[in-house]
Amino acid sequence: MANIRSQIKRNKTNERRRERNKAVRSALKTSEKKVRAAASEGDAEGAAERLREASRALDKAASAGVLHKRTAARHKSRLARSASS
């Protein structure tokens, strides 16, 4: 455990961010799974709607710093390919 006050505060901040990042990543995985499920069922409209929601969530995660910008772009690209197939 840290003895320095600023590091104690920093540890609290890091823990809050870690919890937030974990929740966001989990939600992203769920939204990506919904896109793939709709695409595998052959529901083109449903897949397109889910893709729009997932893309928006990925962009938000990237802007918040949870994901890197290029990682989000790669996920969106792969989802779009799977939704169109």
Protein backbone atom coordinates (compact mmCIF):
# COMPACT_ATOMS: atom_id res chain seq x y z
CA MET A 1 0.00 0.00 0.00
CA ALA A 2 1.26 3.45 -0.86
CA ASN A 3 2.26 5.91 1.86
CA ILE A 4 2.25 8.99 -0.34
CA ARG A 5 -1.05 10.85 -0.34
CA SER A 6 -1.06 11.61 -4.06
CA GLN A 7 -0.45 7.95 -4.87
CA ILE A 8 -3.30 6.86 -2.59
CA LYS A 9 -5.61 9.23 -4.49
CA ARG A 10 -4.21 7.95 -7.78
CA ASN A 11 -4.92 4.36 -6.78
CA LYS A 12 -8.56 5.27 -6.09
CA THR A 13 -8.85 6.96 -9.48
CA ASN A 14 -7.25 4.00 -11.22
CA GLU A 15 -9.67 1.60 -9.56
CA ARG A 16 -12.70 3.67 -10.60
CA ARG A 17 -11.45 3.79 -14.19
CA ARG A 18 -10.70 0.07 -14.20
CA GLU A 19 -14.26 -0.70 -13.12
CA ARG A 20 -15.69 1.64 -15.76
CA ASN A 21 -13.48 0.20 -18.48
CA LYS A 22 -14.46 -3.33 -17.51
CA ALA A 23 -18.16 -2.47 -17.76
CA VAL A 24 -17.73 -0.75 -21.12
CA ARG A 25 -15.71 -3.64 -22.57
CA SER A 26 -18.30 -6.13 -21.39
CA ALA A 27 -21.11 -4.11 -22.99
CA LEU A 28 -19.12 -3.91 -26.24
CA LYS A 29 -18.69 -7.67 -26.34
CA THR A 30 -22.43 -8.10 -25.84
CA SER A 31 -23.31 -5.66 -28.62
CA GLU A 32 -20.87 -7.36 -31.01
CA LYS A 33 -22.35 -10.73 -30.13
CA LYS A 34 -25.86 -9.42 -30.92
CA VAL A 35 -24.71 -8.26 -34.37
CA ARG A 36 -23.19 -11.64 -35.16
CA ALA A 37 -26.27 -13.48 -33.87
CA ALA A 38 -28.62 -11.39 -36.03
CA ALA A 39 -26.37 -11.91 -39.06
CA SER A 40 -26.21 -15.67 -38.56
CA GLU A 41 -30.02 -15.85 -38.33
CA GLY A 42 -30.25 -14.08 -41.68
CA ASP A 43 -32.02 -11.04 -40.24
CA ALA A 44 -30.52 -8.29 -42.42
CA GLU A 45 -32.55 -5.42 -40.93
CA GLY A 46 -31.88 -6.54 -37.38
CA ALA A 47 -28.17 -6.95 -38.11
CA ALA A 48 -28.01 -3.46 -39.63
CA GLU A 49 -29.72 -1.95 -36.59
CA ARG A 50 -27.46 -3.82 -34.18
CA LEU A 51 -24.44 -2.82 -36.26
CA ARG A 52 -25.38 0.85 -35.96
CA GLU A 53 -25.70 0.54 -32.17
CA ALA A 54 -22.42 -1.39 -31.88
CA SER A 55 -20.56 1.12 -34.07
CA ARG A 56 -21.80 3.97 -31.93
CA ALA A 57 -20.73 2.17 -28.75
CA LEU A 58 -17.29 1.44 -30.22
CA ASP A 59 -16.84 5.09 -31.18
CA LYS A 60 -17.82 6.22 -27.70
CA ALA A 61 -15.40 3.74 -26.11
CA ALA A 62 -12.61 4.97 -28.36
CA SER A 63 -13.29 8.62 -27.55
CA ALA A 64 -13.37 7.82 -23.83
CA GLY A 65 -10.00 6.09 -24.07
CA VAL A 66 -11.29 2.62 -23.24
CA LEU A 67 -10.22 1.34 -26.67
CA HIS A 68 -7.63 2.63 -29.10
CA LYS A 69 -9.06 4.40 -32.14
CA ARG A 70 -7.71 1.84 -34.60
CA THR A 71 -8.89 -1.07 -32.48
CA ALA A 72 -12.42 0.33 -32.59
CA ALA A 73 -12.14 0.83 -36.35
CA ARG A 74 -10.97 -2.76 -36.82
CA HIS A 75 -13.88 -4.12 -34.77
CA LYS A 76 -16.37 -1.99 -36.73
CA SER A 77 -14.95 -3.18 -40.03
CA ARG A 78 -15.12 -6.84 -39.07
CA LEU A 79 -18.65 -6.45 -37.75
CA ALA A 80 -19.75 -4.75 -40.96
CA ARG A 81 -18.30 -7.61 -42.99
CA SER A 82 -20.06 -10.22 -40.87
CA ALA A 83 -23.37 -8.32 -40.95
CA SER A 84 -23.33 -7.99 -44.74
CA SER A 85 -22.57 -11.68 -45.32
